[in-house]
């Protein structure tokens, strides 16, 4: 059974630019250090970071229109 190293109930707000930037600017090595894992993390987070920015722009444009 795995050991929990860190736990948080924090949920980033996709409308908050600081939350989005914090996620986008967090280096991949914060999520993995093993070279094989790092490659997988980079692939997964690359698309997740792109999607986070797209959602922020979309939500921002929506709030401006309202």
C-alpha atoms as a PDB file:
ATOM      1  CA  UNK A   1       0.000   0.000   0.000  1.00  0.00           C
ATOM      2  CA  UNK A   2       1.335   3.444  -0.946  1.00  0.00           C
ATOM      3  CA  UNK A   3       2.132   6.165   1.519  1.00  0.00           C
ATOM      4  CA  UNK A   4       0.412   9.540   1.144  1.00  0.00           C
ATOM      5  CA  UNK A   5       3.144  12.148   0.915  1.00  0.00           C
ATOM      6  CA  UNK A   6       0.912  15.160   0.461  1.00  0.00           C
ATOM      7  CA  UNK A   7      -2.777  15.804   0.584  1.00  0.00           C
ATOM      8  CA  UNK A   8      -4.814  18.926   0.029  1.00  0.00           C
ATOM      9  CA  UNK A   9      -8.442  19.791  -0.482  1.00  0.00           C
ATOM     10  CA  UNK A  10      -7.434  22.872  -2.490  1.00  0.00           C
ATOM     11  CA  UNK A  11      -9.256  23.173  -5.794  1.00  0.00           C
ATOM     12  CA  UNK A  12      -7.874  25.700  -8.286  1.00  0.00           C
ATOM     13  CA  UNK A  13     -10.340  28.154  -9.771  1.00  0.00           C
ATOM     14  CA  UNK A  14     -10.246  28.042 -13.600  1.00  0.00           C
ATOM     15  CA  UNK A  15     -11.494  31.660 -13.652  1.00  0.00           C
ATOM     16  CA  UNK A  16      -8.596  32.895 -11.511  1.00  0.00           C
ATOM     17  CA  UNK A  17      -5.573  33.939 -13.576  1.00  0.00           C
ATOM     18  CA  UNK A  18      -3.200  33.338 -10.639  1.00  0.00           C
ATOM     19  CA  UNK A  19      -4.441  29.756 -10.193  1.00  0.00           C
ATOM     20  CA  UNK A  20      -4.101  29.068 -13.911  1.00  0.00           C
ATOM     21  CA  UNK A  21      -0.626  30.620 -14.073  1.00  0.00           C
ATOM     22  CA  UNK A  22       0.512  28.694 -11.000  1.00  0.00           C
ATOM     23  CA  UNK A  23      -0.493  25.442 -12.688  1.00  0.00           C
ATOM     24  CA  UNK A  24       0.955  26.358 -16.082  1.00  0.00           C
ATOM     25  CA  UNK A  25       4.273  27.568 -14.637  1.00  0.00           C
ATOM     26  CA  UNK A  26       4.787  24.643 -12.261  1.00  0.00           C
ATOM     27  CA  UNK A  27       7.692  22.622 -13.662  1.00  0.00           C
ATOM     28  CA  UNK A  28       6.991  19.016 -14.622  1.00  0.00           C
ATOM     29  CA  UNK A  29       9.681  17.823 -12.221  1.00  0.00           C
ATOM     30  CA  UNK A  30       7.395  18.902  -9.367  1.00  0.00           C
ATOM     31  CA  UNK A  31       5.166  15.964 -10.333  1.00  0.00           C
ATOM     32  CA  UNK A  32       7.826  13.341 -11.146  1.00  0.00           C
ATOM     33  CA  UNK A  33      11.594  12.826 -11.039  1.00  0.00           C
ATOM     34  CA  UNK A  34      12.084   9.455 -12.705  1.00  0.00           C
ATOM     35  CA  UNK A  35      12.987   9.995 -16.396  1.00  0.00           C
ATOM     36  CA  UNK A  36      10.278   7.608 -17.640  1.00  0.00           C
ATOM     37  CA  UNK A  37       7.650   9.150 -15.384  1.00  0.00           C
ATOM     38  CA  UNK A  38       8.821  12.647 -16.290  1.00  0.00           C
ATOM     39  CA  UNK A  39       8.217  11.937 -19.968  1.00  0.00           C
ATOM     40  CA  UNK A  40       4.677  10.703 -19.248  1.00  0.00           C
ATOM     41  CA  UNK A  41       3.976  13.675 -16.971  1.00  0.00           C
ATOM     42  CA  UNK A  42       5.245  16.110 -19.615  1.00  0.00           C
ATOM     43  CA  UNK A  43       2.909  14.571 -22.192  1.00  0.00           C
ATOM     44  CA  UNK A  44      -0.137  14.616 -19.908  1.00  0.00           C
ATOM     45  CA  UNK A  45       0.495  18.020 -18.379  1.00  0.00           C
ATOM     46  CA  UNK A  46       1.336  19.635 -21.694  1.00  0.00           C
ATOM     47  CA  UNK A  47      -2.195  19.135 -22.947  1.00  0.00           C
ATOM     48  CA  UNK A  48      -3.708  19.870 -19.514  1.00  0.00           C
ATOM     49  CA  UNK A  49      -1.827  23.172 -19.281  1.00  0.00           C
ATOM     50  CA  UNK A  50      -2.932  24.154 -22.778  1.00  0.00           C
ATOM     51  CA  UNK A  51      -6.528  23.310 -21.899  1.00  0.00           C
ATOM     52  CA  UNK A  52      -6.322  25.329 -18.658  1.00  0.00           C
ATOM     53  CA  UNK A  53      -5.264  28.431 -20.590  1.00  0.00           C
ATOM     54  CA  UNK A  54      -7.989  27.898 -23.217  1.00  0.00           C
ATOM     55  CA  UNK A  55     -10.626  27.546 -20.510  1.00  0.00           C
ATOM     56  CA  UNK A  56      -9.389  30.663 -18.730  1.00  0.00           C
ATOM     57  CA  UNK A  57      -9.605  32.683 -21.967  1.00  0.00           C
ATOM     58  CA  UNK A  58     -13.067  31.298 -22.669  1.00  0.00           C
ATOM     59  CA  UNK A  59     -14.349  32.039 -19.158  1.00  0.00           C
ATOM     60  CA  UNK A  60     -12.737  35.481 -19.237  1.00  0.00           C
ATOM     61  CA  UNK A  61     -14.382  36.333 -22.577  1.00  0.00           C
ATOM     62  CA  UNK A  62     -17.713  35.059 -21.247  1.00  0.00           C
ATOM     63  CA  UNK A  63     -17.497  37.276 -18.160  1.00  0.00           C
ATOM     64  CA  UNK A  64     -16.584  40.318 -20.280  1.00  0.00           C
ATOM     65  CA  UNK A  65     -19.614  39.745 -22.526  1.00  0.00           C
ATOM     66  CA  UNK A  66     -21.945  39.523 -19.521  1.00  0.00           C
END
